[in-house]
Amino acid sequence: MATDGWSEYALVAISAQSGTDIAFQAVTSTIDIDMGDRDFESMPMLNGARIVKFLPQGDTTVTMEMYPEQSGSGDISAATSGTGVFDLLHDEDTTQPYAVVSVPLKRNKYRLCILWTDKVTASSATEQIIAPTNQAMRFVASDGYFVSAKPSFTDGLLKWTVKFKVPPIDSAGNENIMVESVFSSSTTYTLTALQSYTSTVKW
């Protein structure tokens, strides 16, 4: 049972709409989730009072440091292991040698899923977790876009800093972000497996 916080171990799955969940934890070193603020402004009145003006919730940005050895992961509709990141920002090449070229007018929607769990046999960020045998917390963001993939060789080891950005809701007013968890010392609870990501199914 995880009682001292989540550390060291996490699973990462990235999927394009109608594509497979591609595992990226083997090439991911760090993850930073900048959740969009639900901010407000206070408007001063002439009598000294204040009226709160709520602002729209901001977008969420996830930044990951990755160490892939290839330019892409191949066919995003069938790949299961993430081997490259440049195709997340642009377009895939399904045949070796991968030649991923910049496509400025094409934008692909993605779902990003991150799972922290004490289930040492877990193999996918999208899988089912049953408490009290195991505990877990999962972050899911759907209908987002990869907006940056920048390589760096400053330390003598090729690193890609990748940014994924997602609005809090879609154009129909449906939620894009979910954080879920399961934790129990005795009662059985189930964190259900995520469904495949499509244009109508987010999780």
C-alpha atoms as a PDB file:
ATOM      1  CA  MET A   1       0.000   0.000   0.000  1.00  0.00           C
ATOM      2  CA  ALA A   2       1.380   3.401  -0.956  1.00  0.00           C
ATOM      3  CA  THR A   3       1.276   5.506   2.204  1.00  0.00           C
ATOM      4  CA  ASP A   4       4.250   7.828   1.765  1.00  0.00           C
ATOM      5  CA  GLY A   5       3.340   9.380  -1.579  1.00  0.00           C
ATOM      6  CA  TRP A   6       4.010   8.372  -5.148  1.00  0.00           C
ATOM      7  CA  SER A   7       7.666   8.279  -6.109  1.00  0.00           C
ATOM      8  CA  GLU A   8      10.048   7.060  -8.813  1.00  0.00           C
ATOM      9  CA  TYR A   9       7.636   4.907 -10.834  1.00  0.00           C
ATOM     10  CA  ALA A  10       4.906   5.931 -13.286  1.00  0.00           C
ATOM     11  CA  LEU A  11       3.326   4.654 -16.478  1.00  0.00           C
ATOM     12  CA  VAL A  12       2.677   6.898 -19.485  1.00  0.00           C
ATOM     13  CA  ALA A  13       0.324   6.153 -22.391  1.00  0.00           C
ATOM     14  CA  ILE A  14      -0.243   8.386 -25.407  1.00  0.00           C
ATOM     15  CA  SER A  15      -2.906   7.654 -28.001  1.00  0.00           C
ATOM     16  CA  ALA A  16      -4.143   9.453 -31.075  1.00  0.00           C
ATOM     17  CA  GLN A  17      -7.863   9.378 -31.785  1.00  0.00           C
ATOM     18  CA  SER A  18      -8.761   5.845 -32.920  1.00  0.00           C
ATOM     19  CA  GLY A  19      -5.160   4.778 -32.324  1.00  0.00           C
ATOM     20  CA  THR A  20      -3.551   2.422 -29.838  1.00  0.00           C
ATOM     21  CA  ASP A  21      -2.318   3.354 -26.379  1.00  0.00           C
ATOM     22  CA  ILE A  22       1.425   3.728 -26.873  1.00  0.00           C
ATOM     23  CA  ALA A  23       3.596   3.203 -23.787  1.00  0.00           C
ATOM     24  CA  PHE A  24       6.207   5.929 -23.267  1.00  0.00           C
ATOM     25  CA  GLN A  25       7.422   5.312 -19.707  1.00  0.00           C
ATOM     26  CA  ALA A  26      10.587   3.587 -20.944  1.00  0.00           C
ATOM     27  CA  VAL A  27      11.817   6.822 -22.565  1.00  0.00           C
ATOM     28  CA  THR A  28      10.336   9.364 -20.121  1.00  0.00           C
ATOM     29  CA  SER A  29      12.419  10.846 -17.299  1.00  0.00           C
ATOM     30  CA  THR A  30      10.343  13.683 -15.836  1.00  0.00           C
ATOM     31  CA  ILE A  31       6.736  14.875 -15.939  1.00  0.00           C
ATOM     32  CA  ASP A  32       5.426  18.307 -14.938  1.00  0.00           C
ATOM     33  CA  ILE A  33       1.686  19.002 -15.022  1.00  0.00           C
ATOM     34  CA  ASP A  34       0.745  22.688 -15.033  1.00  0.00           C
ATOM     35  CA  MET A  35      -2.980  22.515 -14.381  1.00  0.00           C
ATOM     36  CA  GLY A  36      -4.930  25.483 -15.705  1.00  0.00           C
ATOM     37  CA  ASP A  37      -5.872  28.027 -13.043  1.00  0.00           C
ATOM     38  CA  ARG A  38      -9.476  28.736 -12.125  1.00  0.00           C
ATOM     39  CA  ASP A  39      -8.659  32.334 -11.380  1.00  0.00           C
ATOM     40  CA  PHE A  40     -10.624  35.474 -10.599  1.00  0.00           C
ATOM     41  CA  GLU A  41     -10.231  39.209 -10.365  1.00  0.00           C
ATOM     42  CA  SER A  42     -11.703  41.425  -7.683  1.00  0.00           C
ATOM     43  CA  MET A  43     -13.323  44.637  -8.869  1.00  0.00           C
ATOM     44  CA  PRO A  44     -13.103  47.555  -6.421  1.00  0.00           C
ATOM     45  CA  MET A  45     -16.295  49.515  -5.790  1.00  0.00           C
ATOM     46  CA  LEU A  46     -16.450  53.195  -4.873  1.00  0.00           C
ATOM     47  CA  ASN A  47     -17.450  52.328  -1.306  1.00  0.00           C
ATOM     48  CA  GLY A  48     -14.340  50.178  -0.826  1.00  0.00           C
ATOM     49  CA  ALA A  49     -16.106  46.856  -1.307  1.00  0.00           C
ATOM     50  CA  ARG A  50     -14.983  44.238  -3.819  1.00  0.00           C
ATOM     51  CA  ILE A  51     -16.939  42.173  -6.347  1.00  0.00           C
ATOM     52  CA  VAL A  52     -15.395  38.919  -7.569  1.00  0.00           C
ATOM     53  CA  LYS A  53     -15.198  38.456 -11.326  1.00  0.00           C
ATOM     54  CA  PHE A  54     -14.492  34.825 -12.239  1.00  0.00           C
ATOM     55  CA  LEU A  55     -12.191  34.137 -15.189  1.00  0.00           C
ATOM     56  CA  PRO A  56     -12.405  31.183 -17.597  1.00  0.00           C
ATOM     57  CA  GLN A  57     -10.327  28.201 -16.537  1.00  0.00           C
ATOM     58  CA  GLY A  58      -6.916  28.134 -18.172  1.00  0.00           C
ATOM     59  CA  ASP A  59      -5.444  25.448 -20.388  1.00  0.00           C
ATOM     60  CA  THR A  60      -3.361  22.651 -18.873  1.00  0.00           C
ATOM     61  CA  THR A  61       0.187  22.011 -20.094  1.00  0.00           C
ATOM     62  CA  VAL A  62       2.130  18.806 -19.471  1.00  0.00           C
ATOM     63  CA  THR A  63       5.895  18.961 -19.994  1.00  0.00           C
ATOM     64  CA  MET A  64       7.906  15.752 -20.286  1.00  0.00           C
ATOM     65  CA  GLU A  65      11.625  15.145 -20.661  1.00  0.00           C
ATOM     66  CA  MET A  66      12.146  12.156 -22.923  1.00  0.00           C
ATOM     67  CA  TYR A  67      15.099  10.177 -24.252  1.00  0.00           C
ATOM     68  CA  PRO A  68      13.856   8.369 -27.381  1.00  0.00           C
ATOM     69  CA  GLU A  69      16.293   6.775 -29.814  1.00  0.00           C
ATOM     70  CA  GLN A  70      14.211   7.233 -32.974  1.00  0.00           C
ATOM     71  CA  SER A  71      12.383  10.052 -34.739  1.00  0.00           C
ATOM     72  CA  GLY A  72       8.963   8.416 -34.380  1.00  0.00           C
ATOM     73  CA  SER A  73       7.044   5.406 -33.166  1.00  0.00           C
ATOM     74  CA  GLY A  74       5.769   4.158 -36.521  1.00  0.00           C
ATOM     75  CA  ASP A  75       2.087   3.504 -37.163  1.00  0.00           C
ATOM     76  CA  ILE A  76       0.186   5.344 -34.387  1.00  0.00           C
ATOM     77  CA  SER A  77      -2.882   3.221 -35.081  1.00  0.00           C
ATOM     78  CA  ALA A  78      -1.007   0.039 -34.172  1.00  0.00           C
ATOM     79  CA  ALA A  79       2.186   0.892 -32.246  1.00  0.00           C
ATOM     80  CA  THR A  80       2.423  -0.185 -28.601  1.00  0.00           C
ATOM     81  CA  SER A  81       5.864   1.120 -27.614  1.00  0.00           C
ATOM     82  CA  GLY A  82       6.971   4.743 -27.907  1.00  0.00           C
ATOM     83  CA  THR A  83      10.328   5.046 -29.650  1.00  0.00           C
ATOM     84  CA  GLY A  84      10.189   8.643 -30.913  1.00  0.00           C
ATOM     85  CA  VAL A  85       8.389  11.931 -30.339  1.00  0.00           C
ATOM     86  CA  PHE A  86       8.773  14.131 -33.437  1.00  0.00           C
ATOM     87  CA  ASP A  87       5.775  12.410 -35.029  1.00  0.00           C
ATOM     88  CA  LEU A  88       3.597  13.482 -32.081  1.00  0.00           C
ATOM     89  CA  LEU A  89       4.028  17.066 -33.196  1.00  0.00           C
ATOM     90  CA  HIS A  90       3.820  16.425 -36.921  1.00  0.00           C
ATOM     91  CA  ASP A  91       2.842  13.277 -38.823  1.00  0.00           C
ATOM     92  CA  GLU A  92       3.803   9.624 -38.652  1.00  0.00           C
ATOM     93  CA  ASP A  93       5.964   7.567 -40.967  1.00  0.00           C
ATOM     94  CA  THR A  94       4.974   3.923 -40.798  1.00  0.00           C
ATOM     95  CA  THR A  95       7.988   2.376 -42.546  1.00  0.00           C
ATOM     96  CA  GLN A  96      11.632   2.202 -41.542  1.00  0.00           C
ATOM     97  CA  PRO A  97      13.696   4.247 -41.965  1.00  0.00           C
ATOM     98  CA  TYR A  98      11.342   6.759 -40.321  1.00  0.00           C
ATOM     99  CA  ALA A  99      11.379  10.144 -42.058  1.00  0.00           C
ATOM    100  CA  VAL A 100       9.139  12.449 -40.036  1.00  0.00           C
ATOM    101  CA  VAL A 101       8.645  15.759 -41.807  1.00  0.00           C
ATOM    102  CA  SER A 102       7.077  18.941 -40.492  1.00  0.00           C
ATOM    103  CA  VAL A 103       3.441  19.300 -41.531  1.00  0.00           C
ATOM    104  CA  PRO A 104       2.389  22.797 -40.438  1.00  0.00           C
ATOM    105  CA  LEU A 105      -1.309  22.514 -41.307  1.00  0.00           C
ATOM    106  CA  LYS A 106      -2.037  19.108 -39.774  1.00  0.00           C
ATOM    107  CA  ARG A 107      -2.969  18.816 -36.103  1.00  0.00           C
ATOM    108  CA  ASN A 108      -3.721  15.475 -34.470  1.00  0.00           C
ATOM    109  CA  LYS A 109      -5.755  15.154 -31.272  1.00  0.00           C
ATOM    110  CA  TYR A 110      -4.241  12.977 -28.548  1.00  0.00           C
ATOM    111  CA  ARG A 111      -5.044  11.535 -25.141  1.00  0.00           C
ATOM    112  CA  LEU A 112      -2.325  11.545 -22.493  1.00  0.00           C
ATOM    113  CA  CYS A 113      -2.638   9.178 -19.544  1.00  0.00           C
ATOM    114  CA  ILE A 114      -0.290   8.984 -16.537  1.00  0.00           C
ATOM    115  CA  LEU A 115      -0.670   6.304 -13.856  1.00  0.00           C
ATOM    116  CA  TRP A 116       1.011   6.129 -10.469  1.00  0.00           C
ATOM    117  CA  THR A 117       0.486   2.785  -8.753  1.00  0.00           C
ATOM    118  CA  ASP A 118       2.063   0.304  -6.358  1.00  0.00           C
ATOM    119  CA  LYS A 119       1.073  -2.548  -8.679  1.00  0.00           C
ATOM    120  CA  VAL A 120       4.536  -3.634  -9.791  1.00  0.00           C
ATOM    121  CA  THR A 121       3.119  -5.846 -12.560  1.00  0.00           C
ATOM    122  CA  ALA A 122       1.175  -2.972 -14.163  1.00  0.00           C
ATOM    123  CA  SER A 123       2.091  -2.604 -17.817  1.00  0.00           C
ATOM    124  CA  SER A 124      -0.245   0.134 -19.062  1.00  0.00           C
ATOM    125  CA  ALA A 125      -1.325   3.520 -17.735  1.00  0.00           C
ATOM    126  CA  THR A 126      -4.848   2.674 -18.869  1.00  0.00           C
ATOM    127  CA  GLU A 127      -5.298  -0.631 -17.055  1.00  0.00           C
ATOM    128  CA  GLN A 128      -7.629  -1.618 -14.229  1.00  0.00           C
ATOM    129  CA  ILE A 129      -6.445  -1.316 -10.621  1.00  0.00           C
ATOM    130  CA  ILE A 130      -8.279  -3.065  -7.772  1.00  0.00           C
ATOM    131  CA  ALA A 131      -7.980  -1.968  -4.144  1.00  0.00           C
ATOM    132  CA  PRO A 132      -7.161  -2.975  -1.451  1.00  0.00           C
ATOM    133  CA  THR A 133      -4.686  -5.219  -3.275  1.00  0.00           C
ATOM    134  CA  ASN A 134      -3.236  -2.189  -5.033  1.00  0.00           C
ATOM    135  CA  GLN A 135      -3.610   1.577  -4.970  1.00  0.00           C
ATOM    136  CA  ALA A 136      -3.348   4.100  -7.786  1.00  0.00           C
ATOM    137  CA  MET A 137      -3.794   7.646  -9.017  1.00  0.00           C
ATOM    138  CA  ARG A 138      -4.358   8.463 -12.673  1.00  0.00           C
ATOM    139  CA  PHE A 139      -4.274  11.680 -14.700  1.00  0.00           C
ATOM    140  CA  VAL A 140      -6.116  11.650 -18.026  1.00  0.00           C
ATOM    141  CA  ALA A 141      -6.278  14.488 -20.562  1.00  0.00           C
ATOM    142  CA  SER A 142      -8.141  14.005 -23.835  1.00  0.00           C
ATOM    143  CA  ASP A 143      -8.560  16.083 -26.985  1.00  0.00           C
ATOM    144  CA  GLY A 144      -5.239  17.844 -26.514  1.00  0.00           C
ATOM    145  CA  TYR A 145      -2.393  18.622 -28.866  1.00  0.00           C
ATOM    146  CA  PHE A 146       1.369  18.290 -28.726  1.00  0.00           C
ATOM    147  CA  VAL A 147       2.636  21.827 -29.199  1.00  0.00           C
ATOM    148  CA  SER A 148       6.380  21.457 -28.735  1.00  0.00           C
ATOM    149  CA  ALA A 149       9.122  18.854 -29.176  1.00  0.00           C
ATOM    150  CA  LYS A 150      12.580  20.330 -28.705  1.00  0.00           C
ATOM    151  CA  PRO A 151      15.813  18.317 -28.785  1.00  0.00           C
ATOM    152  CA  SER A 152      18.876  19.157 -26.703  1.00  0.00           C
ATOM    153  CA  PHE A 153      22.349  17.633 -26.682  1.00  0.00           C
ATOM    154  CA  THR A 154      23.792  20.012 -24.069  1.00  0.00           C
ATOM    155  CA  ASP A 155      24.665  17.261 -21.578  1.00  0.00           C
ATOM    156  CA  GLY A 156      25.982  14.882 -24.220  1.00  0.00           C
ATOM    157  CA  LEU A 157      22.808  12.769 -24.119  1.00  0.00           C
ATOM    158  CA  LEU A 158      20.032  13.556 -26.592  1.00  0.00           C
ATOM    159  CA  LYS A 159      16.954  14.752 -24.712  1.00  0.00           C
ATOM    160  CA  TRP A 160      13.605  15.882 -26.078  1.00  0.00           C
ATOM    161  CA  THR A 161      11.462  18.306 -24.076  1.00  0.00           C
ATOM    162  CA  VAL A 162       7.890  17.642 -25.144  1.00  0.00           C
ATOM    163  CA  LYS A 163       4.830  19.744 -24.318  1.00  0.00           C
ATOM    164  CA  PHE A 164       1.205  18.610 -24.464  1.00  0.00           C
ATOM    165  CA  LYS A 165      -1.545  21.208 -24.125  1.00  0.00           C
ATOM    166  CA  VAL A 166      -5.251  20.652 -23.508  1.00  0.00           C
ATOM    167  CA  PRO A 167      -8.234  22.936 -22.830  1.00  0.00           C
ATOM    168  CA  PRO A 168     -10.401  22.115 -19.789  1.00  0.00           C
ATOM    169  CA  ILE A 169     -13.481  21.461 -21.943  1.00  0.00           C
ATOM    170  CA  ASP A 170     -14.199  20.830 -25.617  1.00  0.00           C
ATOM    171  CA  SER A 171     -16.335  22.862 -28.033  1.00  0.00           C
ATOM    172  CA  ALA A 172     -19.471  21.031 -26.852  1.00  0.00           C
ATOM    173  CA  GLY A 173     -18.807  21.798 -23.199  1.00  0.00           C
ATOM    174  CA  ASN A 174     -17.636  18.285 -22.286  1.00  0.00           C
ATOM    175  CA  GLU A 175     -14.782  17.822 -19.827  1.00  0.00           C
ATOM    176  CA  ASN A 176     -11.319  16.974 -21.179  1.00  0.00           C
ATOM    177  CA  ILE A 177      -9.411  16.341 -17.943  1.00  0.00           C
ATOM    178  CA  MET A 178      -9.926  13.710 -15.263  1.00  0.00           C
ATOM    179  CA  VAL A 179      -7.887  12.835 -12.174  1.00  0.00           C
ATOM    180  CA  GLU A 180      -8.983   9.603 -10.507  1.00  0.00           C
ATOM    181  CA  SER A 181      -7.685   7.412  -7.724  1.00  0.00           C
ATOM    182  CA  VAL A 182      -8.434   4.242  -5.779  1.00  0.00           C
ATOM    183  CA  PHE A 183      -7.264   3.668  -2.222  1.00  0.00           C
ATOM    184  CA  SER A 184      -8.546   1.288   0.435  1.00  0.00           C
ATOM    185  CA  SER A 185      -7.218  -0.732   3.355  1.00  0.00           C
ATOM    186  CA  SER A 186     -10.015  -3.305   3.394  1.00  0.00           C
ATOM    187  CA  THR A 187     -13.020  -2.601   1.142  1.00  0.00           C
ATOM    188  CA  THR A 188     -12.771  -3.606  -2.515  1.00  0.00           C
ATOM    189  CA  TYR A 189     -12.919  -0.754  -5.011  1.00  0.00           C
ATOM    190  CA  THR A 190     -12.043  -0.826  -8.715  1.00  0.00           C
ATOM    191  CA  LEU A 191     -10.374   1.812 -10.829  1.00  0.00           C
ATOM    192  CA  THR A 192     -11.754   0.677 -14.167  1.00  0.00           C
ATOM    193  CA  ALA A 193      -9.615   0.365 -17.278  1.00  0.00           C
ATOM    194  CA  LEU A 194      -9.889   3.199 -19.772  1.00  0.00           C
ATOM    195  CA  GLN A 195     -11.638   2.551 -23.060  1.00  0.00           C
ATOM    196  CA  SER A 196      -9.925   3.149 -26.374  1.00  0.00           C
ATOM    197  CA  TYR A 197      -9.767   6.834 -27.240  1.00  0.00           C
ATOM    198  CA  THR A 198     -11.995   7.913 -30.139  1.00  0.00           C
ATOM    199  CA  SER A 199     -13.803  11.050 -31.298  1.00  0.00           C
ATOM    200  CA  THR A 200     -16.712  10.122 -29.001  1.00  0.00           C
ATOM    201  CA  VAL A 201     -14.947   8.288 -26.124  1.00  0.00           C
ATOM    202  CA  LYS A 202     -12.479  10.192 -23.951  1.00  0.00           C
ATOM    203  CA  TRP A 203     -11.969   7.646 -21.191  1.00  0.00           C
END
